[in-house]
Amino acid sequence: MPQEIKEMVENIPAEVRWNIASLASTGTAVALDAAIQEAVGPEKRKEILMKLYAGFGPGVKQIIDALGLPTDNADAAAKAVSCAMTIMHGTEMQIDTTESSPQKVAANVTGCPFPLRMKEMGVKMDCSPVCTAGLEAAYNAVNPKLKLNIGDKCIGRGDAYCGEYVVEMQE
């Protein structure tokens, strides 16, 4: 990268760069999802994306490992996954924990960039199955002893939050 461009980028505050990057990445993901849905229909889109997002776990684990975050119990793993998701998707990602212990965590996603991008782009899709596949892969990658159960609420379908997400340690 030429020095002049490097300096231009470095003069932009890190949080502004992060917000721009997360808007671009979540917008790109929604645009790709919409193109797939237009090409093959909603059911085939769901099938394709669930397979793709099932591969999401190693990337989440890579972020968590790079940060040295613990994942040895439900509370630590939920915090680590939430941190990684926020790094990846930006500050629009809001996760509210309603119960927390080393054995069990319950939380709701009260802010998510994907339904926001869908609304901005005029795209109508069900994001819940894809999100579920990605989260299951993430929790399985960071600690295979964790079991994830997700309720049927979804911001993308008009609910106030997504969830309830329950992460529990299994023997």
C-alpha atoms as a PDB file:
ATOM      1  CA  MET A   1       0.000   0.000   0.000  1.00  0.00           C
ATOM      2  CA  PRO A   2       1.441   3.401  -0.905  1.00  0.00           C
ATOM      3  CA  GLN A   3       2.469   5.448   2.130  1.00  0.00           C
ATOM      4  CA  GLU A   4       0.043   8.254   1.263  1.00  0.00           C
ATOM      5  CA  ILE A   5      -2.958   5.903   1.348  1.00  0.00           C
ATOM      6  CA  LYS A   6      -1.689   4.221   4.504  1.00  0.00           C
ATOM      7  CA  GLU A   7      -1.528   7.619   6.218  1.00  0.00           C
ATOM      8  CA  MET A   8      -5.031   8.520   4.996  1.00  0.00           C
ATOM      9  CA  VAL A   9      -6.397   5.315   6.511  1.00  0.00           C
ATOM     10  CA  GLU A  10      -4.466   5.755   9.756  1.00  0.00           C
ATOM     11  CA  ASN A  11      -5.876   9.284  10.126  1.00  0.00           C
ATOM     12  CA  ILE A  12      -9.395   7.839  10.317  1.00  0.00           C
ATOM     13  CA  PRO A  13     -10.176   6.951  13.953  1.00  0.00           C
ATOM     14  CA  ALA A  14     -10.169   3.193  14.602  1.00  0.00           C
ATOM     15  CA  GLU A  15     -13.817   3.140  15.719  1.00  0.00           C
ATOM     16  CA  VAL A  16     -14.903   4.896  12.519  1.00  0.00           C
ATOM     17  CA  ARG A  17     -12.921   2.374  10.424  1.00  0.00           C
ATOM     18  CA  TRP A  18     -14.532  -0.483  12.404  1.00  0.00           C
ATOM     19  CA  ASN A  19     -18.038   0.910  11.886  1.00  0.00           C
ATOM     20  CA  ILE A  20     -17.453   1.370   8.153  1.00  0.00           C
ATOM     21  CA  ALA A  21     -16.025  -2.144   7.844  1.00  0.00           C
ATOM     22  CA  SER A  22     -18.902  -3.740   9.761  1.00  0.00           C
ATOM     23  CA  LEU A  23     -21.510  -1.845   7.710  1.00  0.00           C
ATOM     24  CA  ALA A  24     -19.803  -2.979   4.524  1.00  0.00           C
ATOM     25  CA  SER A  25     -19.416  -6.605   5.597  1.00  0.00           C
ATOM     26  CA  THR A  26     -22.963  -7.006   6.913  1.00  0.00           C
ATOM     27  CA  GLY A  27     -24.357  -5.231   3.853  1.00  0.00           C
ATOM     28  CA  THR A  28     -22.336  -7.486   1.567  1.00  0.00           C
ATOM     29  CA  ALA A  29     -23.590 -10.587   3.388  1.00  0.00           C
ATOM     30  CA  VAL A  30     -27.216  -9.459   3.015  1.00  0.00           C
ATOM     31  CA  ALA A  31     -26.687  -8.639  -0.676  1.00  0.00           C
ATOM     32  CA  LEU A  32     -25.177 -12.088  -1.285  1.00  0.00           C
ATOM     33  CA  ASP A  33     -27.981 -13.798   0.650  1.00  0.00           C
ATOM     34  CA  ALA A  34     -30.573 -11.863  -1.368  1.00  0.00           C
ATOM     35  CA  ALA A  35     -28.894 -12.775  -4.662  1.00  0.00           C
ATOM     36  CA  ILE A  36     -28.871 -16.446  -3.691  1.00  0.00           C
ATOM     37  CA  GLN A  37     -32.543 -16.273  -2.711  1.00  0.00           C
ATOM     38  CA  GLU A  38     -33.436 -14.581  -6.000  1.00  0.00           C
ATOM     39  CA  ALA A  39     -31.522 -17.223  -7.969  1.00  0.00           C
ATOM     40  CA  VAL A  40     -32.729 -20.383  -6.207  1.00  0.00           C
ATOM     41  CA  GLY A  41     -35.704 -19.409  -4.020  1.00  0.00           C
ATOM     42  CA  PRO A  42     -36.054 -19.161  -0.229  1.00  0.00           C
ATOM     43  CA  GLU A  43     -35.932 -22.880   0.638  1.00  0.00           C
ATOM     44  CA  LYS A  44     -32.806 -23.656  -1.401  1.00  0.00           C
ATOM     45  CA  ARG A  45     -31.215 -20.425  -0.095  1.00  0.00           C
ATOM     46  CA  LYS A  46     -31.831 -21.586   3.457  1.00  0.00           C
ATOM     47  CA  GLU A  47     -30.261 -24.980   2.675  1.00  0.00           C
ATOM     48  CA  ILE A  48     -27.184 -23.425   1.040  1.00  0.00           C
ATOM     49  CA  LEU A  49     -26.626 -20.768   3.698  1.00  0.00           C
ATOM     50  CA  MET A  50     -27.095 -23.162   6.606  1.00  0.00           C
ATOM     51  CA  LYS A  51     -24.257 -25.264   5.159  1.00  0.00           C
ATOM     52  CA  LEU A  52     -22.084 -22.184   4.676  1.00  0.00           C
ATOM     53  CA  TYR A  53     -22.746 -20.733   8.123  1.00  0.00           C
ATOM     54  CA  ALA A  54     -22.131 -24.116   9.744  1.00  0.00           C
ATOM     55  CA  GLY A  55     -18.494 -23.398   8.831  1.00  0.00           C
ATOM     56  CA  PHE A  56     -18.571 -20.161  10.849  1.00  0.00           C
ATOM     57  CA  GLY A  57     -17.241 -21.771  14.038  1.00  0.00           C
ATOM     58  CA  PRO A  58     -13.511 -21.928  13.238  1.00  0.00           C
ATOM     59  CA  GLY A  59     -13.418 -18.201  12.434  1.00  0.00           C
ATOM     60  CA  VAL A  60     -15.073 -17.325  15.735  1.00  0.00           C
ATOM     61  CA  LYS A  61     -12.670 -19.640  17.569  1.00  0.00           C
ATOM     62  CA  GLN A  62      -9.716 -18.029  15.787  1.00  0.00           C
ATOM     63  CA  ILE A  63     -10.743 -14.573  17.055  1.00  0.00           C
ATOM     64  CA  ILE A  64     -11.318 -15.869  20.585  1.00  0.00           C
ATOM     65  CA  ASP A  65      -7.985 -17.712  20.627  1.00  0.00           C
ATOM     66  CA  ALA A  66      -6.144 -14.645  19.270  1.00  0.00           C
ATOM     67  CA  LEU A  67      -7.595 -12.590  22.128  1.00  0.00           C
ATOM     68  CA  GLY A  68      -6.788 -15.272  24.698  1.00  0.00           C
ATOM     69  CA  LEU A  69     -10.376 -15.383  25.956  1.00  0.00           C
ATOM     70  CA  PRO A  70     -11.443 -18.303  28.155  1.00  0.00           C
ATOM     71  CA  THR A  71     -14.232 -20.637  27.007  1.00  0.00           C
ATOM     72  CA  ASP A  72     -14.070 -23.329  29.685  1.00  0.00           C
ATOM     73  CA  ASN A  73     -17.615 -22.794  30.992  1.00  0.00           C
ATOM     74  CA  ALA A  74     -20.943 -21.427  29.748  1.00  0.00           C
ATOM     75  CA  ASP A  75     -20.433 -17.921  31.140  1.00  0.00           C
ATOM     76  CA  ALA A  76     -16.900 -17.514  29.772  1.00  0.00           C
ATOM     77  CA  ALA A  77     -17.812 -18.996  26.385  1.00  0.00           C
ATOM     78  CA  ALA A  78     -20.921 -16.820  26.008  1.00  0.00           C
ATOM     79  CA  LYS A  79     -18.895 -13.699  26.785  1.00  0.00           C
ATOM     80  CA  ALA A  80     -16.153 -14.757  24.362  1.00  0.00           C
ATOM     81  CA  VAL A  81     -18.589 -15.561  21.532  1.00  0.00           C
ATOM     82  CA  SER A  82     -20.452 -12.282  22.138  1.00  0.00           C
ATOM     83  CA  CYS A  83     -17.143 -10.399  21.999  1.00  0.00           C
ATOM     84  CA  ALA A  84     -16.149 -12.106  18.738  1.00  0.00           C
ATOM     85  CA  MET A  85     -19.589 -11.463  17.207  1.00  0.00           C
ATOM     86  CA  THR A  86     -19.371  -7.780  18.134  1.00  0.00           C
ATOM     87  CA  ILE A  87     -15.880  -7.511  16.648  1.00  0.00           C
ATOM     88  CA  MET A  88     -17.114  -9.137  13.436  1.00  0.00           C
ATOM     89  CA  HIS A  89     -20.496  -7.418  13.108  1.00  0.00           C
ATOM     90  CA  GLY A  90     -19.936  -4.081  14.842  1.00  0.00           C
ATOM     91  CA  THR A  91     -21.579  -2.131  17.597  1.00  0.00           C
ATOM     92  CA  GLU A  92     -25.088  -2.673  16.222  1.00  0.00           C
ATOM     93  CA  MET A  93     -24.790  -6.171  17.703  1.00  0.00           C
ATOM     94  CA  GLN A  94     -26.376  -5.954  21.161  1.00  0.00           C
ATOM     95  CA  ILE A  95     -26.653  -8.989  23.433  1.00  0.00           C
ATOM     96  CA  ASP A  96     -28.466  -8.733  26.758  1.00  0.00           C
ATOM     97  CA  THR A  97     -27.731 -11.475  29.278  1.00  0.00           C
ATOM     98  CA  THR A  98     -30.687 -12.423  31.479  1.00  0.00           C
ATOM     99  CA  GLU A  99     -29.042 -15.259  33.440  1.00  0.00           C
ATOM    100  CA  SER A 100     -25.394 -16.138  33.904  1.00  0.00           C
ATOM    101  CA  SER A 101     -23.475 -18.861  35.714  1.00  0.00           C
ATOM    102  CA  PRO A 102     -20.618 -21.202  34.833  1.00  0.00           C
ATOM    103  CA  GLN A 103     -23.226 -23.871  33.981  1.00  0.00           C
ATOM    104  CA  LYS A 104     -25.840 -21.838  32.098  1.00  0.00           C
ATOM    105  CA  VAL A 105     -26.268 -18.526  30.302  1.00  0.00           C
ATOM    106  CA  ALA A 106     -29.500 -17.109  28.910  1.00  0.00           C
ATOM    107  CA  ALA A 107     -29.474 -14.075  26.642  1.00  0.00           C
ATOM    108  CA  ASN A 108     -31.416 -12.186  24.007  1.00  0.00           C
ATOM    109  CA  VAL A 109     -30.053 -10.411  20.969  1.00  0.00           C
ATOM    110  CA  THR A 110     -31.690  -6.986  21.120  1.00  0.00           C
ATOM    111  CA  GLY A 111     -29.701  -5.426  18.300  1.00  0.00           C
ATOM    112  CA  CYS A 112     -28.468  -7.066  15.109  1.00  0.00           C
ATOM    113  CA  PRO A 113     -27.019  -5.490  11.972  1.00  0.00           C
ATOM    114  CA  PHE A 114     -28.480  -8.037   9.559  1.00  0.00           C
ATOM    115  CA  PRO A 115     -32.178  -7.107   9.925  1.00  0.00           C
ATOM    116  CA  LEU A 116     -31.086  -3.452   9.798  1.00  0.00           C
ATOM    117  CA  ARG A 117     -29.251  -4.002   6.486  1.00  0.00           C
ATOM    118  CA  MET A 118     -32.211  -6.015   5.149  1.00  0.00           C
ATOM    119  CA  LYS A 119     -34.573  -3.147   5.969  1.00  0.00           C
ATOM    120  CA  GLU A 120     -32.213  -0.559   4.439  1.00  0.00           C
ATOM    121  CA  MET A 121     -31.865  -2.664   1.291  1.00  0.00           C
ATOM    122  CA  GLY A 122     -35.558  -3.577   1.027  1.00  0.00           C
ATOM    123  CA  VAL A 123     -34.763  -7.282   1.343  1.00  0.00           C
ATOM    124  CA  LYS A 124     -37.190  -9.744   2.917  1.00  0.00           C
ATOM    125  CA  MET A 125     -35.580 -12.950   4.195  1.00  0.00           C
ATOM    126  CA  ASP A 126     -35.718 -15.115   7.288  1.00  0.00           C
ATOM    127  CA  CYS A 127     -32.316 -14.766   8.932  1.00  0.00           C
ATOM    128  CA  SER A 128     -33.064 -16.986  11.941  1.00  0.00           C
ATOM    129  CA  PRO A 129     -32.093 -20.446  10.551  1.00  0.00           C
ATOM    130  CA  VAL A 130     -28.827 -19.103   9.158  1.00  0.00           C
ATOM    131  CA  CYS A 131     -27.976 -17.322  12.407  1.00  0.00           C
ATOM    132  CA  THR A 132     -28.796 -20.467  14.383  1.00  0.00           C
ATOM    133  CA  ALA A 133     -26.460 -22.570  12.224  1.00  0.00           C
ATOM    134  CA  GLY A 134     -23.646 -20.043  12.694  1.00  0.00           C
ATOM    135  CA  LEU A 135     -24.088 -19.799  16.461  1.00  0.00           C
ATOM    136  CA  GLU A 136     -24.264 -23.574  16.886  1.00  0.00           C
ATOM    137  CA  ALA A 137     -21.024 -23.886  14.926  1.00  0.00           C
ATOM    138  CA  ALA A 138     -19.392 -21.136  16.999  1.00  0.00           C
ATOM    139  CA  TYR A 139     -20.280 -22.662  20.359  1.00  0.00           C
ATOM    140  CA  ASN A 140     -19.313 -26.148  19.201  1.00  0.00           C
ATOM    141  CA  ALA A 141     -15.944 -24.855  17.982  1.00  0.00           C
ATOM    142  CA  VAL A 142     -15.084 -22.972  21.171  1.00  0.00           C
ATOM    143  CA  ASN A 143     -16.272 -25.669  23.598  1.00  0.00           C
ATOM    144  CA  PRO A 144     -17.858 -28.928  22.406  1.00  0.00           C
ATOM    145  CA  LYS A 145     -19.318 -29.471  25.905  1.00  0.00           C
ATOM    146  CA  LEU A 146     -21.762 -26.598  25.346  1.00  0.00           C
ATOM    147  CA  LYS A 147     -25.311 -27.093  24.117  1.00  0.00           C
ATOM    148  CA  LEU A 148     -27.180 -24.191  22.530  1.00  0.00           C
ATOM    149  CA  ASN A 149     -30.967 -23.884  22.517  1.00  0.00           C
ATOM    150  CA  ILE A 150     -32.610 -20.969  20.746  1.00  0.00           C
ATOM    151  CA  GLY A 151     -36.178 -19.734  21.091  1.00  0.00           C
ATOM    152  CA  ASP A 152     -38.285 -18.723  18.112  1.00  0.00           C
ATOM    153  CA  LYS A 153     -38.189 -14.926  18.445  1.00  0.00           C
ATOM    154  CA  CYS A 154     -36.410 -13.095  15.625  1.00  0.00           C
ATOM    155  CA  ILE A 155     -35.841  -9.373  15.034  1.00  0.00           C
ATOM    156  CA  GLY A 156     -35.842 -10.100  11.306  1.00  0.00           C
ATOM    157  CA  ARG A 157     -39.436 -11.351  11.606  1.00  0.00           C
ATOM    158  CA  GLY A 158     -40.547  -8.288  13.580  1.00  0.00           C
ATOM    159  CA  ASP A 159     -39.952  -9.437  17.167  1.00  0.00           C
ATOM    160  CA  ALA A 160     -38.306  -7.081  19.678  1.00  0.00           C
ATOM    161  CA  TYR A 161     -35.369  -9.468  20.113  1.00  0.00           C
ATOM    162  CA  CYS A 162     -33.890 -12.749  18.902  1.00  0.00           C
ATOM    163  CA  GLY A 163     -33.882 -15.638  21.307  1.00  0.00           C
ATOM    164  CA  GLU A 164     -33.990 -16.553  23.998  1.00  0.00           C
ATOM    165  CA  TYR A 165     -30.560 -18.133  23.613  1.00  0.00           C
ATOM    166  CA  VAL A 166     -29.632 -20.650  26.303  1.00  0.00           C
ATOM    167  CA  VAL A 167     -26.095 -22.042  26.473  1.00  0.00           C
ATOM    168  CA  GLU A 168     -25.561 -24.915  28.905  1.00  0.00           C
ATOM    169  CA  MET A 169     -22.617 -27.074  29.879  1.00  0.00           C
ATOM    170  CA  GLN A 170     -23.148 -30.774  29.162  1.00  0.00           C
ATOM    171  CA  GLU A 171     -21.347 -33.565  30.965  1.00  0.00           C
END
